[in-house]
PDB file of N, CA and C in Angstrom:
ATOM      1  N   MET A   1       1.921  -9.940 -10.521  1.00  0.00           N
ATOM      2  CA  MET A   1       2.848  -9.628  -9.453  1.00  0.00           C
ATOM      3  C   MET A   1       2.553 -10.582  -8.294  1.00  0.00           C
ATOM      4  N   SER A   2       3.591 -11.130  -7.693  1.00  0.00           N
ATOM      5  CA  SER A   2       3.404 -12.092  -6.615  1.00  0.00           C
ATOM      6  C   SER A   2       3.292 -11.392  -5.261  1.00  0.00           C
ATOM      7  N   ILE A   3       2.854 -12.162  -4.276  1.00  0.00           N
ATOM      8  CA  ILE A   3       2.713 -11.637  -2.919  1.00  0.00           C
ATOM      9  C   ILE A   3       4.036 -11.064  -2.425  1.00  0.00           C
ATOM     10  N   ASP A   4       5.132 -11.769  -2.693  1.00  0.00           N
ATOM     11  CA  ASP A   4       6.448 -11.320  -2.219  1.00  0.00           C
ATOM     12  C   ASP A   4       6.782  -9.926  -2.722  1.00  0.00           C
ATOM     13  N   ARG A   5       6.584  -9.722  -4.004  1.00  0.00           N
ATOM     14  CA  ARG A   5       6.921  -8.417  -4.589  1.00  0.00           C
ATOM     15  C   ARG A   5       6.017  -7.311  -4.059  1.00  0.00           C
ATOM     16  N   ILE A   6       4.746  -7.625  -3.876  1.00  0.00           N
ATOM     17  CA  ILE A   6       3.822  -6.622  -3.347  1.00  0.00           C
ATOM     18  C   ILE A   6       4.200  -6.250  -1.921  1.00  0.00           C
ATOM     19  N   VAL A   7       4.524  -7.252  -1.096  1.00  0.00           N
ATOM     20  CA  VAL A   7       4.907  -6.990   0.296  1.00  0.00           C
ATOM     21  C   VAL A   7       6.164  -6.132   0.343  1.00  0.00           C
ATOM     22  N   MET A   8       7.166  -6.469  -0.444  1.00  0.00           N
ATOM     23  CA  MET A   8       8.412  -5.702  -0.436  1.00  0.00           C
ATOM     24  C   MET A   8       8.193  -4.276  -0.958  1.00  0.00           C
ATOM     25  N   ALA A   9       7.387  -4.136  -2.001  1.00  0.00           N
ATOM     26  CA  ALA A   9       7.097  -2.799  -2.538  1.00  0.00           C
ATOM     27  C   ALA A   9       6.320  -1.962  -1.531  1.00  0.00           C
ATOM     28  N   PHE A  10       5.347  -2.581  -0.867  1.00  0.00           N
ATOM     29  CA  PHE A  10       4.546  -1.862   0.124  1.00  0.00           C
ATOM     30  C   PHE A  10       5.410  -1.447   1.314  1.00  0.00           C
ATOM     31  N   ALA A  11       6.254  -2.350   1.784  1.00  0.00           N
ATOM     32  CA  ALA A  11       7.129  -2.030   2.915  1.00  0.00           C
ATOM     33  C   ALA A  11       8.086  -0.896   2.552  1.00  0.00           C
ATOM     34  N   GLY A  12       8.671  -0.961   1.379  1.00  0.00           N
ATOM     35  CA  GLY A  12       9.569   0.097   0.942  1.00  0.00           C
ATOM     36  C   GLY A  12       8.860   1.436   0.815  1.00  0.00           C
ATOM     37  N   ALA A  13       7.661   1.405   0.267  1.00  0.00           N
ATOM     38  CA  ALA A  13       6.892   2.645   0.124  1.00  0.00           C
ATOM     39  C   ALA A  13       6.532   3.227   1.486  1.00  0.00           C
ATOM     40  N   MET A  14       6.131   2.377   2.424  1.00  0.00           N
ATOM     41  CA  MET A  14       5.765   2.861   3.756  1.00  0.00           C
ATOM     42  C   MET A  14       6.975   3.476   4.470  1.00  0.00           C
ATOM     43  N   ILE A  15       8.144   2.888   4.307  1.00  0.00           N
ATOM     44  CA  ILE A  15       9.343   3.444   4.934  1.00  0.00           C
ATOM     45  C   ILE A  15       9.693   4.792   4.314  1.00  0.00           C
ATOM     46  N   LEU A  16       9.602   4.890   2.993  1.00  0.00           N
ATOM     47  CA  LEU A  16       9.896   6.162   2.341  1.00  0.00           C
ATOM     48  C   LEU A  16       8.894   7.247   2.725  1.00  0.00           C
ATOM     49  N   VAL A  17       7.625   6.882   2.811  1.00  0.00           N
ATOM     50  CA  VAL A  17       6.598   7.839   3.247  1.00  0.00           C
ATOM     51  C   VAL A  17       6.873   8.276   4.682  1.00  0.00           C
ATOM     52  N   SER A  18       7.211   7.320   5.530  1.00  0.00           N
ATOM     53  CA  SER A  18       7.500   7.621   6.929  1.00  0.00           C
ATOM     54  C   SER A  18       8.687   8.574   7.061  1.00  0.00           C
ATOM     55  N   LEU A  19       9.732   8.321   6.310  1.00  0.00           N
ATOM     56  CA  LEU A  19      10.911   9.198   6.372  1.00  0.00           C
ATOM     57  C   LEU A  19      10.595  10.593   5.856  1.00  0.00           C
ATOM     58  N   THR A  20       9.795  10.674   4.809  1.00  0.00           N
ATOM     59  CA  THR A  20       9.407  11.975   4.272  1.00  0.00           C
ATOM     60  C   THR A  20       8.564  12.750   5.280  1.00  0.00           C
ATOM     61  N   LEU A  21       7.594  12.075   5.887  1.00  0.00           N
ATOM     62  CA  LEU A  21       6.756  12.728   6.890  1.00  0.00           C
ATOM     63  C   LEU A  21       7.566  13.119   8.123  1.00  0.00           C
ATOM     64  N   ALA A  22       8.529  12.305   8.501  1.00  0.00           N
ATOM     65  CA  ALA A  22       9.380  12.632   9.654  1.00  0.00           C
ATOM     66  C   ALA A  22      10.205  13.877   9.372  1.00  0.00           C
ATOM     67  N   HIS A  23      10.631  14.025   8.149  1.00  0.00           N
ATOM     68  CA  HIS A  23      11.446  15.189   7.786  1.00  0.00           C
ATOM     69  C   HIS A  23      10.608  16.469   7.740  1.00  0.00           C
ATOM     70  N   PHE A  24       9.422  16.390   7.143  1.00  0.00           N
ATOM     71  CA  PHE A  24       8.628  17.586   6.912  1.00  0.00           C
ATOM     72  C   PHE A  24       7.555  17.865   7.970  1.00  0.00           C
ATOM     73  N   VAL A  25       7.096  16.848   8.699  1.00  0.00           N
ATOM     74  CA  VAL A  25       5.975  17.036   9.612  1.00  0.00           C
ATOM     75  C   VAL A  25       6.398  16.888  11.065  1.00  0.00           C
ATOM     76  N   SER A  26       6.799  15.683  11.443  1.00  0.00           N
ATOM     77  CA  SER A  26       7.134  15.419  12.839  1.00  0.00           C
ATOM     78  C   SER A  26       8.048  14.203  12.919  1.00  0.00           C
ATOM     79  N   PRO A  27       9.047  14.239  13.799  1.00  0.00           N
ATOM     80  CA  PRO A  27       9.933  13.083  13.941  1.00  0.00           C
ATOM     81  C   PRO A  27       9.212  11.836  14.473  1.00  0.00           C
ATOM     82  N   TRP A  28       8.030  11.999  15.007  1.00  0.00           N
ATOM     83  CA  TRP A  28       7.275  10.849  15.505  1.00  0.00           C
ATOM     84  C   TRP A  28       6.910   9.872  14.394  1.00  0.00           C
ATOM     85  N   TRP A  29       6.940  10.311  13.142  1.00  0.00           N
ATOM     86  CA  TRP A  29       6.654   9.425  12.016  1.00  0.00           C
ATOM     87  C   TRP A  29       7.721   8.345  11.852  1.00  0.00           C
ATOM     88  N   MET A  30       8.850   8.507  12.498  1.00  0.00           N
ATOM     89  CA  MET A  30       9.892   7.471  12.457  1.00  0.00           C
ATOM     90  C   MET A  30       9.399   6.175  13.104  1.00  0.00           C
ATOM     91  N   LEU A  31       8.411   6.290  13.986  1.00  0.00           N
ATOM     92  CA  LEU A  31       7.837   5.089  14.603  1.00  0.00           C
ATOM     93  C   LEU A  31       7.213   4.168  13.557  1.00  0.00           C
ATOM     94  N   LEU A  32       6.632   4.747  12.522  1.00  0.00           N
ATOM     95  CA  LEU A  32       6.056   3.933  11.450  1.00  0.00           C
ATOM     96  C   LEU A  32       7.153   3.149  10.735  1.00  0.00           C
ATOM     97  N   ALA A  33       8.264   3.799  10.440  1.00  0.00           N
ATOM     98  CA  ALA A  33       9.380   3.111   9.790  1.00  0.00           C
ATOM     99  C   ALA A  33       9.900   1.995  10.696  1.00  0.00           C
ATOM    100  N   GLY A  34       9.972   2.265  11.991  1.00  0.00           N
ATOM    101  CA  GLY A  34      10.413   1.240  12.931  1.00  0.00           C
ATOM    102  C   GLY A  34       9.457   0.061  12.983  1.00  0.00           C
ATOM    103  N   PHE A  35       8.150   0.338  12.961  1.00  0.00           N
ATOM    104  CA  PHE A  35       7.153  -0.724  12.971  1.00  0.00           C
ATOM    105  C   PHE A  35       7.264  -1.592  11.721  1.00  0.00           C
ATOM    106  N   VAL A  36       7.423  -0.970  10.568  1.00  0.00           N
ATOM    107  CA  VAL A  36       7.547  -1.721   9.318  1.00  0.00           C
ATOM    108  C   VAL A  36       8.806  -2.583   9.352  1.00  0.00           C
ATOM    109  N   GLY A  37       9.905  -2.009   9.833  1.00  0.00           N
ATOM    110  CA  GLY A  37      11.151  -2.770   9.932  1.00  0.00           C
ATOM    111  C   GLY A  37      11.037  -3.954  10.877  1.00  0.00           C
ATOM    112  N   LEU A  38      10.418  -3.743  12.022  1.00  0.00           N
ATOM    113  CA  LEU A  38      10.228  -4.851  12.971  1.00  0.00           C
ATOM    114  C   LEU A  38       9.320  -5.934  12.393  1.00  0.00           C
ATOM    115  N   ASN A  39       8.297  -5.527  11.671  1.00  0.00           N
ATOM    116  CA  ASN A  39       7.399  -6.501  11.060  1.00  0.00           C
ATOM    117  C   ASN A  39       8.134  -7.327  10.006  1.00  0.00           C
ATOM    118  N   LEU A  40       8.970  -6.693   9.205  1.00  0.00           N
ATOM    119  CA  LEU A  40       9.756  -7.433   8.223  1.00  0.00           C
ATOM    120  C   LEU A  40      10.724  -8.393   8.908  1.00  0.00           C
ATOM    121  N   PHE A  41      11.318  -7.944  10.002  1.00  0.00           N
ATOM    122  CA  PHE A  41      12.275  -8.773  10.740  1.00  0.00           C
ATOM    123  C   PHE A  41      11.589 -10.016  11.311  1.00  0.00           C
ATOM    124  N   GLN A  42      10.438  -9.836  11.950  1.00  0.00           N
ATOM    125  CA  GLN A  42       9.749 -10.995  12.524  1.00  0.00           C
ATOM    126  C   GLN A  42       9.228 -11.915  11.435  1.00  0.00           C
ATOM    127  N   ALA A  43       8.813 -11.357  10.295  1.00  0.00           N
ATOM    128  CA  ALA A  43       8.316 -12.186   9.202  1.00  0.00           C
ATOM    129  C   ALA A  43       9.421 -13.065   8.622  1.00  0.00           C
ATOM    130  N   ALA A  44      10.651 -12.601   8.693  1.00  0.00           N
ATOM    131  CA  ALA A  44      11.768 -13.393   8.185  1.00  0.00           C
ATOM    132  C   ALA A  44      11.958 -14.676   8.993  1.00  0.00           C
ATOM    133  N   PHE A  45      11.630 -14.629  10.270  1.00  0.00           N
ATOM    134  CA  PHE A  45      11.828 -15.791  11.132  1.00  0.00           C
ATOM    135  C   PHE A  45      10.564 -16.621  11.322  1.00  0.00           C
ATOM    136  N   THR A  46       9.411 -15.974  11.378  1.00  0.00           N
ATOM    137  CA  THR A  46       8.174 -16.693  11.660  1.00  0.00           C
ATOM    138  C   THR A  46       7.385 -17.042  10.405  1.00  0.00           C
ATOM    139  N   ARG A  47       7.725 -16.411   9.286  1.00  0.00           N
ATOM    140  CA  ARG A  47       7.003 -16.565   8.023  1.00  0.00           C
ATOM    141  C   ARG A  47       5.540 -16.174   8.151  1.00  0.00           C
ATOM    142  N   ILE A  48       5.243 -15.272   9.102  1.00  0.00           N
ATOM    143  CA  ILE A  48       3.893 -14.746   9.286  1.00  0.00           C
ATOM    144  C   ILE A  48       3.927 -13.261   8.963  1.00  0.00           C
ATOM    145  N   CYS A  49       3.213 -12.872   7.916  1.00  0.00           N
ATOM    146  CA  CYS A  49       3.153 -11.478   7.507  1.00  0.00           C
ATOM    147  C   CYS A  49       1.680 -11.113   7.307  1.00  0.00           C
ATOM    148  N   PRO A  50       1.173 -10.150   8.087  1.00  0.00           N
ATOM    149  CA  PRO A  50      -0.241  -9.795   7.957  1.00  0.00           C
ATOM    150  C   PRO A  50      -0.639  -9.386   6.538  1.00  0.00           C
ATOM    151  N   LEU A  51       0.182  -8.584   5.875  1.00  0.00           N
ATOM    152  CA  LEU A  51      -0.148  -8.167   4.512  1.00  0.00           C
ATOM    153  C   LEU A  51      -0.165  -9.359   3.570  1.00  0.00           C
ATOM    154  N   ALA A  52       0.784 -10.272   3.716  1.00  0.00           N
ATOM    155  CA  ALA A  52       0.809 -11.459   2.859  1.00  0.00           C
ATOM    156  C   ALA A  52      -0.436 -12.318   3.064  1.00  0.00           C
ATOM    157  N   MET A  53      -0.892 -12.414   4.312  1.00  0.00           N
ATOM    158  CA  MET A  53      -2.101 -13.199   4.592  1.00  0.00           C
ATOM    159  C   MET A  53      -3.321 -12.554   3.936  1.00  0.00           C
ATOM    160  N   ILE A  54      -3.396 -11.227   3.976  1.00  0.00           N
ATOM    161  CA  ILE A  54      -4.516 -10.515   3.349  1.00  0.00           C
ATOM    162  C   ILE A  54      -4.479 -10.698   1.838  1.00  0.00           C
ATOM    163  N   LEU A  55      -3.296 -10.551   1.255  1.00  0.00           N
ATOM    164  CA  LEU A  55      -3.170 -10.703  -0.198  1.00  0.00           C
ATOM    165  C   LEU A  55      -3.500 -12.122  -0.643  1.00  0.00           C
ATOM    166  N   LYS A  56      -3.118 -13.111   0.169  1.00  0.00           N
ATOM    167  CA  LYS A  56      -3.419 -14.498  -0.166  1.00  0.00           C
ATOM    168  C   LYS A  56      -4.924 -14.730  -0.190  1.00  0.00           C
ATOM    169  N   ARG A  57      -5.647 -14.147   0.773  1.00  0.00           N
ATOM    170  CA  ARG A  57      -7.107 -14.268   0.809  1.00  0.00           C
ATOM    171  C   ARG A  57      -7.761 -13.581  -0.385  1.00  0.00           C
ATOM    172  N   MET A  58      -7.084 -12.537  -0.898  1.00  0.00           N
ATOM    173  CA  MET A  58      -7.623 -11.814  -2.055  1.00  0.00           C
ATOM    174  C   MET A  58      -7.342 -12.541  -3.362  1.00  0.00           C
ATOM    175  N   GLY A  59      -6.560 -13.615  -3.301  1.00  0.00           N
ATOM    176  CA  GLY A  59      -6.315 -14.404  -4.495  1.00  0.00           C
ATOM    177  C   GLY A  59      -5.059 -14.063  -5.261  1.00  0.00           C
ATOM    178  N   VAL A  60      -4.170 -13.275  -4.662  1.00  0.00           N
ATOM    179  CA  VAL A  60      -2.915 -12.953  -5.341  1.00  0.00           C
ATOM    180  C   VAL A  60      -2.030 -14.195  -5.325  1.00  0.00           C
ATOM    181  N   LYS A  61      -1.339 -14.450  -6.428  1.00  0.00           N
ATOM    182  CA  LYS A  61      -0.521 -15.650  -6.499  1.00  0.00           C
ATOM    183  C   LYS A  61       0.659 -15.559  -5.534  1.00  0.00           C
ATOM    184  N   PRO A  62       0.956 -16.646  -4.856  1.00  0.00           N
ATOM    185  CA  PRO A  62       2.059 -16.643  -3.885  1.00  0.00           C
ATOM    186  C   PRO A  62       3.418 -16.644  -4.582  1.00  0.00           C
ATOM    187  N   GLY A  63       4.421 -16.209  -3.831  1.00  0.00           N
ATOM    188  CA  GLY A  63       5.792 -16.267  -4.320  1.00  0.00           C
ATOM    189  C   GLY A  63       6.569 -17.287  -3.517  1.00  0.00           C
ATOM    190  N   ALA A  64       7.869 -17.172  -3.502  1.00  0.00           N
ATOM    191  CA  ALA A  64       8.704 -18.156  -2.822  1.00  0.00           C
ATOM    192  C   ALA A  64       8.766 -17.948  -1.314  1.00  0.00           C
ATOM    193  N   ALA A  65       8.672 -16.713  -0.846  1.00  0.00           N
ATOM    194  CA  ALA A  65       8.878 -16.437   0.577  1.00  0.00           C
ATOM    195  C   ALA A  65       7.622 -16.631   1.412  1.00  0.00           C
ATOM    196  N   PHE A  66       6.456 -16.320   0.875  1.00  0.00           N
ATOM    197  CA  PHE A  66       5.227 -16.402   1.662  1.00  0.00           C
ATOM    198  C   PHE A  66       4.335 -17.477   1.082  1.00  0.00           C
TER     199      PHE A  66
END
């Protein structure tokens, strides 16, 4: 699995977890979904993604986006 796929899967999972927690626990969990969305948005323009940098250091093969 490439860095790109891992980043997208992790971001999607975090948003789904955030929405579930917001529904069942507290609406403040929506901040996590907002943070993930903003991070994806900035990564699209700057090509800097903290998770991608960590995965690259761990030796995961790069994809086309990162």
